[in-house]
C-alpha atoms as a PDB file:
ATOM      1  CA  MET A   1     -10.576 -95.418 -29.818  1.00  0.00           C
ATOM      2  CA  SER A   2     -10.021 -94.835 -26.339  1.00  0.00           C
ATOM      3  CA  ASP A   3      -7.015 -95.705 -24.399  1.00  0.00           C
ATOM      4  CA  ASN A   4      -8.446 -96.535 -21.223  1.00  0.00           C
ATOM      5  CA  LEU A   5     -12.083 -98.894 -22.853  1.00  0.00           C
ATOM      6  CA  GLY A   6     -11.721-100.374 -19.387  1.00  0.00           C
ATOM      7  CA  GLY A   7     -12.397 -97.632 -16.759  1.00  0.00           C
ATOM      8  CA  ASP A   8     -14.859 -96.412 -19.679  1.00  0.00           C
ATOM      9  CA  ALA A   9     -16.499 -99.582 -18.864  1.00  0.00           C
ATOM     10  CA  VAL A  10     -16.557 -98.951 -15.380  1.00  0.00           C
ATOM     11  CA  GLN A  11     -17.365 -95.351 -14.920  1.00  0.00           C
ATOM     12  CA  PHE A  12     -20.141 -96.618 -17.201  1.00  0.00           C
ATOM     13  CA  GLY A  13     -21.692 -99.377 -14.868  1.00  0.00           C
ATOM     14  CA  PHE A  14     -20.776 -96.199 -12.011  1.00  0.00           C
ATOM     15  CA  ALA A  15     -23.253 -94.236 -13.869  1.00  0.00           C
ATOM     16  CA  LEU A  16     -25.456 -97.288 -13.851  1.00  0.00           C
ATOM     17  CA  TRP A  17     -25.347 -98.208 -10.910  1.00  0.00           C
ATOM     18  CA  ASP A  18     -25.800 -94.505  -9.748  1.00  0.00           C
ATOM     19  CA  ALA A  19     -29.079 -93.837 -11.450  1.00  0.00           C
ATOM     20  CA  ALA A  20     -30.838 -97.389  -9.995  1.00  0.00           C
ATOM     21  CA  ARG A  21     -29.845 -96.580  -6.932  1.00  0.00           C
ATOM     22  CA  ALA A  22     -31.144 -92.590  -7.173  1.00  0.00           C
ATOM     23  CA  SER A  23     -34.585 -94.465  -9.195  1.00  0.00           C
ATOM     24  CA  LEU A  24     -35.359 -96.710  -6.077  1.00  0.00           C
ATOM     25  CA  VAL A  25     -34.594 -93.416  -3.919  1.00  0.00           C
ATOM     26  CA  GLY A  26     -37.324 -91.462  -5.494  1.00  0.00           C
ATOM     27  CA  LEU A  27     -39.797 -94.405  -6.251  1.00  0.00           C
ATOM     28  CA  ASN A  28     -43.160 -93.337  -5.514  1.00  0.00           C
ATOM     29  CA  PRO A  29     -45.003 -96.750  -5.610  1.00  0.00           C
ATOM     30  CA  ILE A  30     -48.401 -95.847  -4.273  1.00  0.00           C
ATOM     31  CA  PRO A  31     -50.282 -94.240  -7.034  1.00  0.00           C
ATOM     32  CA  VAL A  32     -49.342 -97.781  -9.619  1.00  0.00           C
ATOM     33  CA  LEU A  33     -50.387-100.455  -6.565  1.00  0.00           C
ATOM     34  CA  ILE A  34     -53.639 -98.619  -6.373  1.00  0.00           C
ATOM     35  CA  THR A  35     -54.291 -98.485  -9.550  1.00  0.00           C
ATOM     36  CA  SER A  36     -52.596-101.552 -10.515  1.00  0.00           C
ATOM     37  CA  ALA A  37     -55.375-103.352  -7.352  1.00  0.00           C
ATOM     38  CA  PHE A  38     -57.957-101.640  -9.054  1.00  0.00           C
ATOM     39  CA  PHE A  39     -57.477-103.355 -12.604  1.00  0.00           C
ATOM     40  CA  GLY A  40     -56.377-106.637 -10.519  1.00  0.00           C
ATOM     41  CA  ILE A  41     -59.636-106.685  -9.225  1.00  0.00           C
ATOM     42  CA  VAL A  42     -61.798-105.662 -12.150  1.00  0.00           C
ATOM     43  CA  GLN A  43     -60.386-107.343 -14.889  1.00  0.00           C
ATOM     44  CA  PRO A  44     -62.614-110.175 -16.441  1.00  0.00           C
ATOM     45  CA  GLN A  45     -60.509-111.914 -17.658  1.00  0.00           C
ATOM     46  CA  ARG A  46     -56.540-113.662 -18.314  1.00  0.00           C
ATOM     47  CA  GLY A  47     -54.232-112.753 -20.590  1.00  0.00           C
ATOM     48  CA  TRP A  48     -52.243-109.398 -21.783  1.00  0.00           C
ATOM     49  CA  TYR A  49     -51.003-108.938 -18.250  1.00  0.00           C
ATOM     50  CA  ILE A  50     -48.833-106.306 -19.788  1.00  0.00           C
ATOM     51  CA  PHE A  51     -51.052-103.913 -21.046  1.00  0.00           C
ATOM     52  CA  LYS A  52     -53.133-104.250 -18.493  1.00  0.00           C
ATOM     53  CA  ALA A  53     -50.364-103.135 -16.294  1.00  0.00           C
ATOM     54  CA  LEU A  54     -49.649-100.115 -19.015  1.00  0.00           C
ATOM     55  CA  VAL A  55     -53.227 -98.885 -18.757  1.00  0.00           C
ATOM     56  CA  ALA A  56     -52.576 -98.993 -14.865  1.00  0.00           C
ATOM     57  CA  LEU A  57     -49.684 -97.370 -14.787  1.00  0.00           C
ATOM     58  CA  VAL A  58     -50.523 -94.559 -16.823  1.00  0.00           C
ATOM     59  CA  PRO A  59     -52.968 -92.878 -14.328  1.00  0.00           C
ATOM     60  CA  ALA A  60     -50.047 -94.403 -11.704  1.00  0.00           C
ATOM     61  CA  VAL A  61     -47.456 -91.445 -13.601  1.00  0.00           C
ATOM     62  CA  LEU A  62     -50.606 -88.818 -13.733  1.00  0.00           C
ATOM     63  CA  MET A  63     -51.154 -88.802 -10.334  1.00  0.00           C
ATOM     64  CA  VAL A  64     -47.456 -88.556  -9.227  1.00  0.00           C
ATOM     65  CA  ALA A  65     -47.358 -86.032 -11.709  1.00  0.00           C
ATOM     66  CA  LEU A  66     -50.966 -83.945 -10.750  1.00  0.00           C
ATOM     67  CA  TRP A  67     -50.189 -84.136  -6.784  1.00  0.00           C
ATOM     68  CA  PRO A  68     -48.886 -80.973  -6.762  1.00  0.00           C
ATOM     69  CA  VAL A  69     -51.180 -78.781  -8.019  1.00  0.00           C
ATOM     70  CA  THR A  70     -53.539 -79.400  -5.107  1.00  0.00           C
ATOM     71  CA  GLN A  71     -51.323 -77.973  -2.826  1.00  0.00           C
ATOM     72  CA  GLY A  72     -50.827 -75.237  -5.803  1.00  0.00           C
ATOM     73  CA  TYR A  73     -48.009 -75.667  -7.389  1.00  0.00           C
ATOM     74  CA  THR A  74     -47.474 -76.343 -10.981  1.00  0.00           C
ATOM     75  CA  PRO A  75     -47.320 -80.354 -11.600  1.00  0.00           C
ATOM     76  CA  ILE A  76     -44.559 -82.381 -12.077  1.00  0.00           C
ATOM     77  CA  TRP A  77     -43.878 -83.629 -15.595  1.00  0.00           C
ATOM     78  CA  PRO A  78     -41.360 -86.927 -15.471  1.00  0.00           C
ATOM     79  CA  ASP A  79     -38.845 -86.481 -17.606  1.00  0.00           C
ATOM     80  CA  VAL A  80     -38.689 -89.672 -19.683  1.00  0.00           C
ATOM     81  CA  THR A  81     -34.966 -88.491 -21.117  1.00  0.00           C
ATOM     82  CA  GLN A  82     -33.514 -89.198 -17.615  1.00  0.00           C
ATOM     83  CA  MET A  83     -32.438 -92.742 -17.240  1.00  0.00           C
ATOM     84  CA  GLU A  84     -33.825 -92.570 -12.748  1.00  0.00           C
ATOM     85  CA  THR A  85     -37.625 -92.127 -14.898  1.00  0.00           C
ATOM     86  CA  GLN A  86     -36.770 -94.890 -17.089  1.00  0.00           C
ATOM     87  CA  ILE A  87     -35.438 -97.157 -14.671  1.00  0.00           C
ATOM     88  CA  GLN A  88     -38.639 -96.182 -12.458  1.00  0.00           C
ATOM     89  CA  LEU A  89     -41.212 -96.483 -14.778  1.00  0.00           C
ATOM     90  CA  LEU A  90     -39.630 -99.989 -15.052  1.00  0.00           C
ATOM     91  CA  THR A  91     -40.295-100.908 -11.838  1.00  0.00           C
ATOM     92  CA  MET A  92     -43.589 -99.563 -11.397  1.00  0.00           C
ATOM     93  CA  LEU A  93     -44.380-101.453 -14.745  1.00  0.00           C
ATOM     94  CA  MET A  94     -43.091-104.547 -12.601  1.00  0.00           C
ATOM     95  CA  ILE A  95     -44.605-103.788  -9.782  1.00  0.00           C
ATOM     96  CA  ALA A  96     -48.276-103.200 -11.907  1.00  0.00           C
ATOM     97  CA  TRP A  97     -47.671-106.744 -13.559  1.00  0.00           C
ATOM     98  CA  LEU A  98     -46.869-108.561 -10.638  1.00  0.00           C
ATOM     99  CA  ILE A  99     -50.353-106.945  -8.449  1.00  0.00           C
ATOM    100  CA  ILE A 100     -52.651-107.276 -11.810  1.00  0.00           C
ATOM    101  CA  ARG A 101     -51.349-111.017 -11.905  1.00  0.00           C
ATOM    102  CA  LEU A 102     -51.119-111.591  -8.034  1.00  0.00           C
ATOM    103  CA  LEU A 103     -54.962-110.648  -7.891  1.00  0.00           C
ATOM    104  CA  TYR A 104     -56.608-112.549 -10.794  1.00  0.00           C
ATOM    105  CA  MET A 105     -54.574-115.785  -9.433  1.00  0.00           C
ATOM    106  CA  VAL A 106     -55.979-114.849  -6.053  1.00  0.00           C
ATOM    107  CA  LYS A 107     -59.990-114.122  -7.605  1.00  0.00           C
ATOM    108  CA  ALA A 108     -59.459-117.039 -10.128  1.00  0.00           C
ATOM    109  CA  THR A 109     -58.667-119.429  -6.824  1.00  0.00           C
ATOM    110  CA  LEU A 110     -61.611-118.046  -4.925  1.00  0.00           C
ATOM    111  CA  THR A 111     -64.023-118.545  -7.881  1.00  0.00           C
ATOM    112  CA  LEU A 112     -62.370-122.142  -8.071  1.00  0.00           C
ATOM    113  CA  GLY A 113     -63.540-123.107  -4.451  1.00  0.00           C
ATOM    114  CA  THR A 114     -66.978-121.259  -4.512  1.00  0.00           C
ATOM    115  CA  ARG A 115     -68.381-123.555  -7.532  1.00  0.00           C
ATOM    116  CA  GLU A 116     -70.738-126.415  -7.595  1.00  0.00           C
ATOM    117  CA  PRO A 117     -70.233-130.256  -8.315  1.00  0.00           C
ATOM    118  CA  GLU A 118     -70.831-130.985 -11.437  1.00  0.00           C
ATOM    119  CA  ALA A 119     -73.072-133.786 -12.096  1.00  0.00           C
ATOM    120  CA  ARG A 120     -71.201-137.051 -13.651  1.00  0.00           C
ATOM    121  CA  THR A 121     -72.806-138.368 -16.358  1.00  0.00           C
ATOM    122  CA  ASN A 122     -71.735-142.074 -15.406  1.00  0.00           C
ATOM    123  CA  GLY A 123     -74.277-142.366 -12.447  1.00  0.00           C
ATOM    124  CA  HIS A 124     -72.066-141.801  -9.438  1.00  0.00           C
END
């Protein structure tokens, strides 16, 4: 066991902090915003938002990875063993979940305002 356990924990904390900062600097949220907005608009009913966010995340990651191909370069596939990539994927998943949930709430609010009043059965 290490004699400097407190120092190791501090170093690990600094490594996490650096990885989080680097992942947020390199984050490209535009593709996940586009795909999650699409899924948020076309979803037929509520529920399972995390699954819909995962489905929206796949084309977003593919768009980011395959974008260099449009200029003639090789694709840049994310290395999921790196902590920065894992933090980026988790951040994009949270963004997708929030956008899909927000758009469902907006859609439900708008459809609530367009409903016609129901006829009352008691004659009033």
